[in-house]
Amino acid sequence: MDADLEIIVIAAVSKNGVIGKGGKMPWHLPDDLKNFAKLTKGHPVLMGRKTFESIGHPLPQRDNIVLTRDKELKALGCIVVTSLSEAISLASSKGTGKLFIIGGAEIYKAVIQSANVMFLTEVDVEIDGGDAFFPEWNEPDWEEVDRFTQIGGNNQFGFTVRELHHVQNIKPIGTGSSGNGFCNLDNARNSDQQETMRRINEGGYCPFCGDNLQKNHSKPILFKGAHWLLTENQWPYPAAKRHLLAISIVHAEKLADLPVEAGAELMEIAHYIEKELGINCGAICMRFGNPSGNGASVNHLHFHILEPDPEKSDPLIFWIDRKKPSS
């Protein structure tokens, strides 16, 4: 799976947050539609069933992916999927490196925290009676890198297109909430891990955020969804046959940092490890909070998926505090 897939939200929003009314966009902005086509052509686009029905046809020169709970849905010229992770995996296989999220409201809400880029058209109008709204988002988590404003022409209203890059899901230089760096050297299980963690703390970055993972992690990405990526643990527990990590894509240190949709995607990962990896016995474990007290080595939420090794006599133990052996 391509771990470098860029998830891009693209939407047009009124001054009071409306994106739709009666199943349609409540404005006519041909210049914005031209910009939409320019950005998305040649790349997969992901939409919900209602958005597909409002468009009425697949968008040309793009792989059209429709996300729906209805497994029997027929969408001519489109690929129908029933989960975000399936959509992301499919988009990765297309090889363009980008997936555009084009609506509607539920899908925007599901991906807004883990998206990399957002093209937001802010339409200079307030819409009465809107029935579809763009989700709330925290502007300080995003950096505006470009904008242009269009007034007049054949457009019904003026509008401004903003390109924003998500900076919240890459923890900036500094330290985690523990105040001692993003890695807790006391929780390292061997000298190689401790030395790697020491270098990471000196560099002042979170090892699980964005491209940072590839700096010190040599294991492949097995699965990537909207909220989690799955990989092998570089330093597995001694009694484990297999030891996997499900790592939050956005930087999260507290459970409240993640949306409830992230929990649903964990069940997709559980199905994946059973069906695709053949792990039918083991445990899924997670630490949260300050790593100086919970035993975690990295201050970034992640789950451990542990499969015991029946050929080893030692028990497979998951420690939740600092009172653990050094092996």
C-alpha atoms as a PDB file:
ATOM      1  CA  MET A   1       0.000   0.000   0.000  1.00  0.00           C
ATOM      2  CA  ASP A   2       1.169   3.508  -0.809  1.00  0.00           C
ATOM      3  CA  ALA A   3       1.786   5.250   2.530  1.00  0.00           C
ATOM      4  CA  ASP A   4       2.276   8.558   0.722  1.00  0.00           C
ATOM      5  CA  LEU A   5      -1.266   8.959  -0.588  1.00  0.00           C
ATOM      6  CA  GLU A   6      -2.317  12.580  -0.170  1.00  0.00           C
ATOM      7  CA  ILE A   7      -5.914  12.989   0.991  1.00  0.00           C
ATOM      8  CA  ILE A   8      -7.344  16.269  -0.314  1.00  0.00           C
ATOM      9  CA  VAL A   9     -10.663  17.807   0.701  1.00  0.00           C
ATOM     10  CA  ILE A  10     -12.237  20.053  -1.920  1.00  0.00           C
ATOM     11  CA  ALA A  11     -15.468  21.910  -1.138  1.00  0.00           C
ATOM     12  CA  ALA A  12     -17.437  25.087  -1.748  1.00  0.00           C
ATOM     13  CA  VAL A  13     -18.969  26.599   1.397  1.00  0.00           C
ATOM     14  CA  SER A  14     -21.249  29.576   2.035  1.00  0.00           C
ATOM     15  CA  LYS A  15     -20.571  32.178   4.719  1.00  0.00           C
ATOM     16  CA  ASN A  16     -22.894  30.290   7.070  1.00  0.00           C
ATOM     17  CA  GLY A  17     -21.404  26.871   6.341  1.00  0.00           C
ATOM     18  CA  VAL A  18     -23.905  25.543   3.789  1.00  0.00           C
ATOM     19  CA  ILE A  19     -22.663  23.162   1.096  1.00  0.00           C
ATOM     20  CA  GLY A  20     -26.030  21.933  -0.191  1.00  0.00           C
ATOM     21  CA  LYS A  21     -29.749  22.615  -0.355  1.00  0.00           C
ATOM     22  CA  GLY A  22     -32.323  20.157  -1.619  1.00  0.00           C
ATOM     23  CA  GLY A  23     -29.642  17.828  -2.954  1.00  0.00           C
ATOM     24  CA  LYS A  24     -27.967  20.525  -5.066  1.00  0.00           C
ATOM     25  CA  MET A  25     -25.301  23.206  -4.715  1.00  0.00           C
ATOM     26  CA  PRO A  26     -27.196  26.475  -4.099  1.00  0.00           C
ATOM     27  CA  TRP A  27     -25.152  28.577  -6.526  1.00  0.00           C
ATOM     28  CA  HIS A  28     -23.788  28.674 -10.044  1.00  0.00           C
ATOM     29  CA  LEU A  29     -20.029  29.299 -10.154  1.00  0.00           C
ATOM     30  CA  PRO A  30     -18.622  28.175 -13.533  1.00  0.00           C
ATOM     31  CA  ASP A  31     -15.142  29.530 -12.794  1.00  0.00           C
ATOM     32  CA  ASP A  32     -14.975  27.516  -9.567  1.00  0.00           C
ATOM     33  CA  LEU A  33     -16.124  24.417 -11.439  1.00  0.00           C
ATOM     34  CA  LYS A  34     -13.291  24.934 -13.933  1.00  0.00           C
ATOM     35  CA  ASN A  35     -10.806  25.111 -11.078  1.00  0.00           C
ATOM     36  CA  PHE A  36     -12.357  21.966  -9.554  1.00  0.00           C
ATOM     37  CA  ALA A  37     -11.919  20.111 -12.849  1.00  0.00           C
ATOM     38  CA  LYS A  38      -8.332  21.331 -13.260  1.00  0.00           C
ATOM     39  CA  LEU A  39      -7.364  20.110  -9.791  1.00  0.00           C
ATOM     40  CA  THR A  40      -9.127  16.747  -9.831  1.00  0.00           C
ATOM     41  CA  LYS A  41      -8.716  15.461 -13.391  1.00  0.00           C
ATOM     42  CA  GLY A  42      -6.420  12.464 -13.589  1.00  0.00           C
ATOM     43  CA  HIS A  43      -6.963  11.561  -9.918  1.00  0.00           C
ATOM     44  CA  PRO A  44      -9.468   9.411  -8.019  1.00  0.00           C
ATOM     45  CA  VAL A  45     -12.401  11.271  -6.453  1.00  0.00           C
ATOM     46  CA  LEU A  46     -14.382   9.970  -3.503  1.00  0.00           C
ATOM     47  CA  MET A  47     -18.020  10.881  -2.892  1.00  0.00           C
ATOM     48  CA  GLY A  48     -21.014   9.623  -0.962  1.00  0.00           C
ATOM     49  CA  ARG A  49     -24.154   8.211  -2.539  1.00  0.00           C
ATOM     50  CA  LYS A  50     -26.113  11.458  -2.197  1.00  0.00           C
ATOM     51  CA  THR A  51     -23.335  13.453  -3.864  1.00  0.00           C
ATOM     52  CA  PHE A  52     -23.196  10.975  -6.745  1.00  0.00           C
ATOM     53  CA  GLU A  53     -26.957  11.167  -7.188  1.00  0.00           C
ATOM     54  CA  SER A  54     -26.852  14.981  -7.175  1.00  0.00           C
ATOM     55  CA  ILE A  55     -24.186  14.979  -9.907  1.00  0.00           C
ATOM     56  CA  GLY A  56     -26.059  12.294 -11.833  1.00  0.00           C
ATOM     57  CA  HIS A  57     -23.109  10.817 -13.707  1.00  0.00           C
ATOM     58  CA  PRO A  58     -19.441   9.874 -13.207  1.00  0.00           C
ATOM     59  CA  LEU A  59     -16.977  12.718 -13.614  1.00  0.00           C
ATOM     60  CA  PRO A  60     -14.879  12.219 -16.775  1.00  0.00           C
ATOM     61  CA  GLN A  61     -11.129  11.567 -16.722  1.00  0.00           C
ATOM     62  CA  ARG A  62     -11.281  10.565 -13.062  1.00  0.00           C
ATOM     63  CA  ASP A  63     -11.735   7.290 -11.178  1.00  0.00           C
ATOM     64  CA  ASN A  64     -15.076   7.845  -9.438  1.00  0.00           C
ATOM     65  CA  ILE A  65     -15.390   6.068  -6.080  1.00  0.00           C
ATOM     66  CA  VAL A  66     -18.748   6.054  -4.307  1.00  0.00           C
ATOM     67  CA  LEU A  67     -18.860   5.289  -0.593  1.00  0.00           C
ATOM     68  CA  THR A  68     -22.128   3.850   0.681  1.00  0.00           C
ATOM     69  CA  ARG A  69     -23.536   1.482   3.294  1.00  0.00           C
ATOM     70  CA  ASP A  70     -25.695  -0.089   0.568  1.00  0.00           C
ATOM     71  CA  LYS A  71     -23.729  -3.079  -0.735  1.00  0.00           C
ATOM     72  CA  GLU A  72     -26.242  -3.513  -3.570  1.00  0.00           C
ATOM     73  CA  LEU A  73     -25.867   0.025  -4.946  1.00  0.00           C
ATOM     74  CA  LYS A  74     -25.275   0.223  -8.689  1.00  0.00           C
ATOM     75  CA  ALA A  75     -23.486   3.373  -9.862  1.00  0.00           C
ATOM     76  CA  LEU A  76     -22.754   3.174 -13.569  1.00  0.00           C
ATOM     77  CA  GLY A  77     -19.163   4.139 -14.367  1.00  0.00           C
ATOM     78  CA  CYS A  78     -18.156   4.224 -10.694  1.00  0.00           C
ATOM     79  CA  ILE A  79     -16.515   1.884  -8.216  1.00  0.00           C
ATOM     80  CA  VAL A  80     -18.699   1.280  -5.155  1.00  0.00           C
ATOM     81  CA  VAL A  81     -17.035   0.733  -1.768  1.00  0.00           C
ATOM     82  CA  THR A  82     -18.480   0.305   1.709  1.00  0.00           C
ATOM     83  CA  SER A  83     -15.659   1.681   3.886  1.00  0.00           C
ATOM     84  CA  LEU A  84     -13.209   4.565   3.891  1.00  0.00           C
ATOM     85  CA  SER A  85     -10.246   2.240   4.233  1.00  0.00           C
ATOM     86  CA  GLU A  86     -11.384   0.347   1.128  1.00  0.00           C
ATOM     87  CA  ALA A  87     -11.640   3.647  -0.747  1.00  0.00           C
ATOM     88  CA  ILE A  88      -8.172   4.739   0.364  1.00  0.00           C
ATOM     89  CA  SER A  89      -6.637   1.393  -0.572  1.00  0.00           C
ATOM     90  CA  LEU A  90      -8.277   1.574  -3.992  1.00  0.00           C
ATOM     91  CA  ALA A  91      -7.066   5.149  -4.545  1.00  0.00           C
ATOM     92  CA  SER A  92      -3.547   4.128  -3.540  1.00  0.00           C
ATOM     93  CA  SER A  93      -3.572   1.393  -6.169  1.00  0.00           C
ATOM     94  CA  LYS A  94      -4.267   3.960  -8.905  1.00  0.00           C
ATOM     95  CA  GLY A  95      -0.786   5.379  -8.453  1.00  0.00           C
ATOM     96  CA  THR A  96      -1.526   9.106  -8.810  1.00  0.00           C
ATOM     97  CA  GLY A  97      -0.583   9.843  -5.194  1.00  0.00           C
ATOM     98  CA  LYS A  98      -3.766  11.840  -4.533  1.00  0.00           C
ATOM     99  CA  LEU A  99      -7.360  11.212  -3.496  1.00  0.00           C
ATOM    100  CA  PHE A 100      -9.857  14.079  -3.698  1.00  0.00           C
ATOM    101  CA  ILE A 101     -12.765  14.040  -1.262  1.00  0.00           C
ATOM    102  CA  ILE A 102     -15.649  15.825  -3.004  1.00  0.00           C
ATOM    103  CA  GLY A 103     -18.550  15.351  -0.552  1.00  0.00           C
ATOM    104  CA  GLY A 104     -20.918  15.159   1.041  1.00  0.00           C
ATOM    105  CA  ALA A 105     -21.134  16.312   4.638  1.00  0.00           C
ATOM    106  CA  GLU A 106     -20.695  12.917   6.320  1.00  0.00           C
ATOM    107  CA  ILE A 107     -17.565  12.043   4.339  1.00  0.00           C
ATOM    108  CA  TYR A 108     -16.061  15.487   4.912  1.00  0.00           C
ATOM    109  CA  LYS A 109     -16.607  14.997   8.645  1.00  0.00           C
ATOM    110  CA  ALA A 110     -15.014  11.548   8.584  1.00  0.00           C
ATOM    111  CA  VAL A 111     -11.788  12.674   6.872  1.00  0.00           C
ATOM    112  CA  ILE A 112     -11.273  16.306   7.923  1.00  0.00           C
ATOM    113  CA  GLN A 113      -8.886  15.458  10.766  1.00  0.00           C
ATOM    114  CA  SER A 114      -6.676  13.171   8.708  1.00  0.00           C
ATOM    115  CA  ALA A 115      -6.711  15.077   5.396  1.00  0.00           C
ATOM    116  CA  ASN A 116      -3.417  16.557   4.213  1.00  0.00           C
ATOM    117  CA  VAL A 117      -4.687  19.407   2.031  1.00  0.00           C
ATOM    118  CA  MET A 118      -7.908  21.374   1.665  1.00  0.00           C
ATOM    119  CA  PHE A 119      -9.103  23.482  -1.253  1.00  0.00           C
ATOM    120  CA  LEU A 120     -11.886  25.543   0.263  1.00  0.00           C
ATOM    121  CA  THR A 121     -14.027  27.808  -1.904  1.00  0.00           C
ATOM    122  CA  GLU A 122     -15.600  30.401   0.367  1.00  0.00           C
ATOM    123  CA  VAL A 123     -18.715  31.706  -1.407  1.00  0.00           C
ATOM    124  CA  ASP A 124     -19.673  35.283  -0.562  1.00  0.00           C
ATOM    125  CA  VAL A 125     -23.301  34.583   0.343  1.00  0.00           C
ATOM    126  CA  GLU A 126     -25.417  33.293   3.208  1.00  0.00           C
ATOM    127  CA  ILE A 127     -27.861  30.554   2.235  1.00  0.00           C
ATOM    128  CA  ASP A 128     -31.221  30.222   3.958  1.00  0.00           C
ATOM    129  CA  GLY A 129     -32.721  26.776   4.279  1.00  0.00           C
ATOM    130  CA  GLY A 130     -29.529  24.838   3.657  1.00  0.00           C
ATOM    131  CA  ASP A 131     -29.694  21.167   4.644  1.00  0.00           C
ATOM    132  CA  ALA A 132     -26.060  20.062   4.211  1.00  0.00           C
ATOM    133  CA  PHE A 133     -23.217  21.733   6.085  1.00  0.00           C
ATOM    134  CA  PHE A 134     -19.432  21.596   6.050  1.00  0.00           C
ATOM    135  CA  PRO A 135     -18.071  20.168   9.316  1.00  0.00           C
ATOM    136  CA  GLU A 136     -16.466  22.349  11.935  1.00  0.00           C
ATOM    137  CA  TRP A 137     -12.676  22.570  11.606  1.00  0.00           C
ATOM    138  CA  ASN A 138      -9.988  24.252  13.640  1.00  0.00           C
ATOM    139  CA  GLU A 139      -8.290  26.896  11.489  1.00  0.00           C
ATOM    140  CA  PRO A 140      -5.089  27.090  13.632  1.00  0.00           C
ATOM    141  CA  ASP A 141      -4.473  23.443  12.647  1.00  0.00           C
ATOM    142  CA  TRP A 142      -4.136  24.525   9.001  1.00  0.00           C
ATOM    143  CA  GLU A 143      -1.685  26.760   7.159  1.00  0.00           C
ATOM    144  CA  GLU A 144      -2.908  28.798   4.209  1.00  0.00           C
ATOM    145  CA  VAL A 145      -0.401  28.555   1.366  1.00  0.00           C
ATOM    146  CA  ASP A 146      -2.355  30.181  -1.462  1.00  0.00           C
ATOM    147  CA  ARG A 147      -5.610  32.002  -2.268  1.00  0.00           C
ATOM    148  CA  PHE A 148      -7.319  33.784  -5.106  1.00  0.00           C
ATOM    149  CA  THR A 149     -10.548  35.759  -5.292  1.00  0.00           C
ATOM    150  CA  GLN A 150     -12.980  35.802  -8.208  1.00  0.00           C
ATOM    151  CA  ILE A 151     -15.600  38.547  -8.547  1.00  0.00           C
ATOM    152  CA  GLY A 152     -17.947  39.044 -11.480  1.00  0.00           C
ATOM    153  CA  GLY A 153     -17.937  37.178 -14.742  1.00  0.00           C
ATOM    154  CA  ASN A 154     -20.598  34.527 -15.168  1.00  0.00           C
ATOM    155  CA  ASN A 155     -20.506  33.598 -11.504  1.00  0.00           C
ATOM    156  CA  GLN A 156     -23.638  34.063  -9.451  1.00  0.00           C
ATOM    157  CA  PHE A 157     -21.601  35.176  -6.410  1.00  0.00           C
ATOM    158  CA  GLY A 158     -18.046  36.211  -5.704  1.00  0.00           C
ATOM    159  CA  PHE A 159     -15.814  33.626  -4.094  1.00  0.00           C
ATOM    160  CA  THR A 160     -12.335  33.029  -2.688  1.00  0.00           C
ATOM    161  CA  VAL A 161     -10.443  29.765  -3.123  1.00  0.00           C
ATOM    162  CA  ARG A 162      -8.019  28.948  -0.295  1.00  0.00           C
ATOM    163  CA  GLU A 163      -5.391  26.212  -0.374  1.00  0.00           C
ATOM    164  CA  LEU A 164      -4.659  25.023   3.155  1.00  0.00           C
ATOM    165  CA  HIS A 165      -2.167  22.424   4.379  1.00  0.00           C
ATOM    166  CA  HIS A 166      -2.835  20.475   7.545  1.00  0.00           C
ATOM    167  CA  VAL A 167      -0.128  21.138  10.128  1.00  0.00           C
ATOM    168  CA  GLN A 168      -1.919  19.705  13.200  1.00  0.00           C
ATOM    169  CA  ASN A 169      -1.304  16.102  12.164  1.00  0.00           C
ATOM    170  CA  ILE A 170       2.465  16.692  12.125  1.00  0.00           C
ATOM    171  CA  LYS A 171       3.669  17.563  15.607  1.00  0.00           C
ATOM    172  CA  PRO A 172       6.018  20.560  15.408  1.00  0.00           C
ATOM    173  CA  ILE A 173       9.543  20.700  16.736  1.00  0.00           C
ATOM    174  CA  GLY A 174       9.483  20.635  20.501  1.00  0.00           C
ATOM    175  CA  THR A 175       8.407  18.135  23.126  1.00  0.00           C
ATOM    176  CA  GLY A 176       5.372  16.023  23.816  1.00  0.00           C
ATOM    177  CA  SER A 177       3.000  16.775  26.649  1.00  0.00           C
ATOM    178  CA  SER A 178       5.259  14.881  29.044  1.00  0.00           C
ATOM    179  CA  GLY A 179       7.835  17.654  28.612  1.00  0.00           C
ATOM    180  CA  ASN A 180      10.678  15.193  27.998  1.00  0.00           C
ATOM    181  CA  GLY A 181      10.476  14.711  24.249  1.00  0.00           C
ATOM    182  CA  PHE A 182       8.225  12.464  22.223  1.00  0.00           C
ATOM    183  CA  CYS A 183      10.097   9.304  23.288  1.00  0.00           C
ATOM    184  CA  ASN A 184      10.545   7.986  26.812  1.00  0.00           C
ATOM    185  CA  LEU A 185      13.993   6.407  26.974  1.00  0.00           C
ATOM    186  CA  ASP A 186      13.172   4.692  30.270  1.00  0.00           C
ATOM    187  CA  ASN A 187      10.641   2.538  28.426  1.00  0.00           C
ATOM    188  CA  ALA A 188      13.045   1.280  25.736  1.00  0.00           C
ATOM    189  CA  ARG A 189      13.404  -2.508  25.695  1.00  0.00           C
ATOM    190  CA  ASN A 190      16.942  -2.713  24.319  1.00  0.00           C
ATOM    191  CA  SER A 191      19.976  -0.545  23.619  1.00  0.00           C
ATOM    192  CA  ASP A 192      19.238  -0.183  19.875  1.00  0.00           C
ATOM    193  CA  GLN A 193      15.753   1.149  20.572  1.00  0.00           C
ATOM    194  CA  GLN A 194      17.040   3.456  23.290  1.00  0.00           C
ATOM    195  CA  GLU A 195      19.722   4.932  21.014  1.00  0.00           C
ATOM    196  CA  THR A 196      17.181   5.511  18.222  1.00  0.00           C
ATOM    197  CA  MET A 197      14.812   7.197  20.674  1.00  0.00           C
ATOM    198  CA  ARG A 198      17.635   9.381  21.961  1.00  0.00           C
ATOM    199  CA  ARG A 199      18.370  10.641  18.422  1.00  0.00           C
ATOM    200  CA  ILE A 200      14.663  11.331  17.869  1.00  0.00           C
ATOM    201  CA  ASN A 201      14.428  13.406  21.054  1.00  0.00           C
ATOM    202  CA  GLU A 202      17.538  15.348  20.048  1.00  0.00           C
ATOM    203  CA  GLY A 203      15.872  16.049  16.690  1.00  0.00           C
ATOM    204  CA  GLY A 204      12.770  17.311  18.493  1.00  0.00           C
ATOM    205  CA  TYR A 205      10.175  15.546  16.330  1.00  0.00           C
ATOM    206  CA  CYS A 206       7.459  12.932  16.823  1.00  0.00           C
ATOM    207  CA  PRO A 207       8.614   9.665  15.181  1.00  0.00           C
ATOM    208  CA  PHE A 208       5.050   8.618  14.276  1.00  0.00           C
ATOM    209  CA  CYS A 209       3.963  11.844  12.529  1.00  0.00           C
ATOM    210  CA  GLY A 210       3.790  12.128   8.740  1.00  0.00           C
ATOM    211  CA  ASP A 211       7.053  11.524   6.917  1.00  0.00           C
ATOM    212  CA  ASN A 212       8.897  11.222  10.231  1.00  0.00           C
ATOM    213  CA  LEU A 213       7.898   7.558  10.441  1.00  0.00           C
ATOM    214  CA  GLN A 214      10.118   6.703   7.483  1.00  0.00           C
ATOM    215  CA  LYS A 215      13.199   8.297   9.089  1.00  0.00           C
ATOM    216  CA  ASN A 216      13.764   5.493  11.578  1.00  0.00           C
ATOM    217  CA  HIS A 217      11.170   2.829  10.779  1.00  0.00           C
ATOM    218  CA  SER A 218      12.163   0.167   8.259  1.00  0.00           C
ATOM    219  CA  LYS A 219       9.021  -1.972   8.301  1.00  0.00           C
ATOM    220  CA  PRO A 220       6.366  -1.856   5.537  1.00  0.00           C
ATOM    221  CA  ILE A 221       2.946  -0.216   5.821  1.00  0.00           C
ATOM    222  CA  LEU A 222       0.409  -3.061   5.711  1.00  0.00           C
ATOM    223  CA  PHE A 223      -2.806  -1.014   5.811  1.00  0.00           C
ATOM    224  CA  LYS A 224      -3.709   2.673   5.674  1.00  0.00           C
ATOM    225  CA  GLY A 225      -7.140   4.066   6.393  1.00  0.00           C
ATOM    226  CA  ALA A 226      -8.499   7.510   7.153  1.00  0.00           C
ATOM    227  CA  HIS A 227      -7.427   7.385  10.805  1.00  0.00           C
ATOM    228  CA  TRP A 228      -4.848   4.608  11.277  1.00  0.00           C
ATOM    229  CA  LEU A 229      -1.944   2.955   9.530  1.00  0.00           C
ATOM    230  CA  LEU A 230      -0.821  -0.570  10.331  1.00  0.00           C
ATOM    231  CA  THR A 231       2.801  -1.665  10.359  1.00  0.00           C
ATOM    232  CA  GLU A 232       5.103  -4.159  12.070  1.00  0.00           C
ATOM    233  CA  ASN A 233       6.791  -3.224  15.335  1.00  0.00           C
ATOM    234  CA  GLN A 234      10.474  -2.676  14.736  1.00  0.00           C
ATOM    235  CA  TRP A 235      11.220  -3.898  18.257  1.00  0.00           C
ATOM    236  CA  PRO A 236       8.713  -6.718  18.883  1.00  0.00           C
ATOM    237  CA  TYR A 237       8.084  -8.191  22.312  1.00  0.00           C
ATOM    238  CA  PRO A 238      10.312 -11.267  22.862  1.00  0.00           C
ATOM    239  CA  ALA A 239       7.459 -13.806  23.214  1.00  0.00           C
ATOM    240  CA  ALA A 240       5.448 -12.505  20.241  1.00  0.00           C
ATOM    241  CA  LYS A 241       5.151 -14.419  16.983  1.00  0.00           C
ATOM    242  CA  ARG A 242       3.932 -11.238  15.346  1.00  0.00           C
ATOM    243  CA  HIS A 243       3.764  -7.747  16.834  1.00  0.00           C
ATOM    244  CA  LEU A 244       1.954  -5.047  14.854  1.00  0.00           C
ATOM    245  CA  LEU A 245       1.271  -1.379  15.550  1.00  0.00           C
ATOM    246  CA  ALA A 246      -1.828   0.583  14.534  1.00  0.00           C
ATOM    247  CA  ILE A 247      -0.654   4.219  14.622  1.00  0.00           C
ATOM    248  CA  SER A 248      -2.917   7.272  14.574  1.00  0.00           C
ATOM    249  CA  ILE A 249      -2.369   9.211  11.345  1.00  0.00           C
ATOM    250  CA  VAL A 250      -2.923  12.532  13.084  1.00  0.00           C
ATOM    251  CA  HIS A 251      -0.822  13.427  16.109  1.00  0.00           C
ATOM    252  CA  ALA A 252      -2.866  12.418  19.137  1.00  0.00           C
ATOM    253  CA  GLU A 253      -1.764  12.072  22.747  1.00  0.00           C
ATOM    254  CA  LYS A 254      -5.182  11.796  24.430  1.00  0.00           C
ATOM    255  CA  LEU A 255      -8.154   9.644  23.528  1.00  0.00           C
ATOM    256  CA  ALA A 256     -10.236  12.806  23.142  1.00  0.00           C
ATOM    257  CA  ASP A 257      -7.897  13.931  20.331  1.00  0.00           C
ATOM    258  CA  LEU A 258      -9.469  11.327  18.016  1.00  0.00           C
ATOM    259  CA  PRO A 259     -12.971  11.297  16.512  1.00  0.00           C
ATOM    260  CA  VAL A 260     -15.353   8.441  17.290  1.00  0.00           C
ATOM    261  CA  GLU A 261     -15.035   7.314  13.652  1.00  0.00           C
ATOM    262  CA  ALA A 262     -11.469   6.240  14.451  1.00  0.00           C
ATOM    263  CA  GLY A 263     -12.880   3.554  16.723  1.00  0.00           C
ATOM    264  CA  ALA A 264     -14.988   2.106  13.920  1.00  0.00           C
ATOM    265  CA  GLU A 265     -11.951   1.912  11.665  1.00  0.00           C
ATOM    266  CA  LEU A 266     -10.106  -0.112  14.308  1.00  0.00           C
ATOM    267  CA  MET A 267     -12.701  -2.847  13.781  1.00  0.00           C
ATOM    268  CA  GLU A 268     -11.864  -2.783  10.068  1.00  0.00           C
ATOM    269  CA  ILE A 269      -8.236  -3.327  11.016  1.00  0.00           C
ATOM    270  CA  ALA A 270      -9.274  -6.204  13.296  1.00  0.00           C
ATOM    271  CA  HIS A 271     -11.087  -7.820  10.358  1.00  0.00           C
ATOM    272  CA  TYR A 272      -8.045  -7.212   8.145  1.00  0.00           C
ATOM    273  CA  ILE A 273      -5.582  -8.913  10.498  1.00  0.00           C
ATOM    274  CA  GLU A 274      -7.859 -11.941  10.797  1.00  0.00           C
ATOM    275  CA  LYS A 275      -8.780 -12.328   7.133  1.00  0.00           C
ATOM    276  CA  GLU A 276      -5.684 -11.049   5.346  1.00  0.00           C
ATOM    277  CA  LEU A 277      -2.883 -11.763   7.819  1.00  0.00           C
ATOM    278  CA  GLY A 278      -4.319 -14.928   9.322  1.00  0.00           C
ATOM    279  CA  ILE A 279      -3.932 -13.830  12.939  1.00  0.00           C
ATOM    280  CA  ASN A 280      -6.709 -15.673  14.783  1.00  0.00           C
ATOM    281  CA  CYS A 281      -5.354 -15.565  18.314  1.00  0.00           C
ATOM    282  CA  GLY A 282      -3.892 -12.713  20.333  1.00  0.00           C
ATOM    283  CA  ALA A 283      -4.665  -9.355  21.900  1.00  0.00           C
ATOM    284  CA  ILE A 284      -5.156  -5.705  20.973  1.00  0.00           C
ATOM    285  CA  CYS A 285      -3.740  -3.351  23.607  1.00  0.00           C
ATOM    286  CA  MET A 286      -3.383   0.412  23.964  1.00  0.00           C
ATOM    287  CA  ARG A 287      -1.754   2.829  26.387  1.00  0.00           C
ATOM    288  CA  PHE A 288      -2.861   6.450  26.680  1.00  0.00           C
ATOM    289  CA  GLY A 289      -1.830   9.491  28.657  1.00  0.00           C
ATOM    290  CA  ASN A 290       1.622  10.433  29.883  1.00  0.00           C
ATOM    291  CA  PRO A 291       4.236   7.833  28.804  1.00  0.00           C
ATOM    292  CA  SER A 292       6.288   8.471  31.947  1.00  0.00           C
ATOM    293  CA  GLY A 293       3.529   6.645  33.810  1.00  0.00           C
ATOM    294  CA  ASN A 294       1.918   4.270  31.313  1.00  0.00           C
ATOM    295  CA  GLY A 295       4.951   2.451  29.918  1.00  0.00           C
ATOM    296  CA  ALA A 296       4.702   3.723  26.330  1.00  0.00           C
ATOM    297  CA  SER A 297       7.894   4.460  24.419  1.00  0.00           C
ATOM    298  CA  VAL A 298       6.326   7.091  22.089  1.00  0.00           C
ATOM    299  CA  ASN A 299       3.914   9.853  23.070  1.00  0.00           C
ATOM    300  CA  HIS A 300       1.575   9.394  20.098  1.00  0.00           C
ATOM    301  CA  LEU A 301      -1.496   7.151  20.337  1.00  0.00           C
ATOM    302  CA  HIS A 302      -1.018   3.661  18.938  1.00  0.00           C
ATOM    303  CA  PHE A 303      -2.419   0.172  19.429  1.00  0.00           C
ATOM    304  CA  HIS A 304      -0.400  -3.018  19.794  1.00  0.00           C
ATOM    305  CA  ILE A 305      -1.664  -6.141  18.022  1.00  0.00           C
ATOM    306  CA  LEU A 306       0.053  -9.131  19.605  1.00  0.00           C
ATOM    307  CA  GLU A 307       0.084 -12.742  18.425  1.00  0.00           C
ATOM    308  CA  PRO A 308       1.696 -15.151  20.914  1.00  0.00           C
ATOM    309  CA  ASP A 309       4.336 -17.617  19.781  1.00  0.00           C
ATOM    310  CA  PRO A 310       3.265 -21.142  20.833  1.00  0.00           C
ATOM    311  CA  GLU A 311       6.848 -22.384  20.507  1.00  0.00           C
ATOM    312  CA  LYS A 312       8.074 -20.055  23.257  1.00  0.00           C
ATOM    313  CA  SER A 313       7.540 -20.946  26.898  1.00  0.00           C
ATOM    314  CA  ASP A 314       7.719 -17.376  28.210  1.00  0.00           C
ATOM    315  CA  PRO A 315       4.388 -15.559  28.603  1.00  0.00           C
ATOM    316  CA  LEU A 316       3.575 -12.626  26.324  1.00  0.00           C
ATOM    317  CA  ILE A 317       3.128  -9.675  28.713  1.00  0.00           C
ATOM    318  CA  PHE A 318       1.852  -6.186  27.924  1.00  0.00           C
ATOM    319  CA  TRP A 319       3.138  -3.758  30.568  1.00  0.00           C
ATOM    320  CA  ILE A 320       1.122  -0.684  31.528  1.00  0.00           C
ATOM    321  CA  ASP A 321       3.615   1.010  33.857  1.00  0.00           C
ATOM    322  CA  ARG A 322       7.338   1.454  34.201  1.00  0.00           C
ATOM    323  CA  LYS A 323       7.830  -1.666  36.372  1.00  0.00           C
ATOM    324  CA  LYS A 324       8.904  -4.004  33.627  1.00  0.00           C
ATOM    325  CA  PRO A 325      12.006  -6.061  32.892  1.00  0.00           C
ATOM    326  CA  SER A 326      14.714  -4.583  30.673  1.00  0.00           C
ATOM    327  CA  SER A 327      14.553  -7.416  28.100  1.00  0.00           C
END
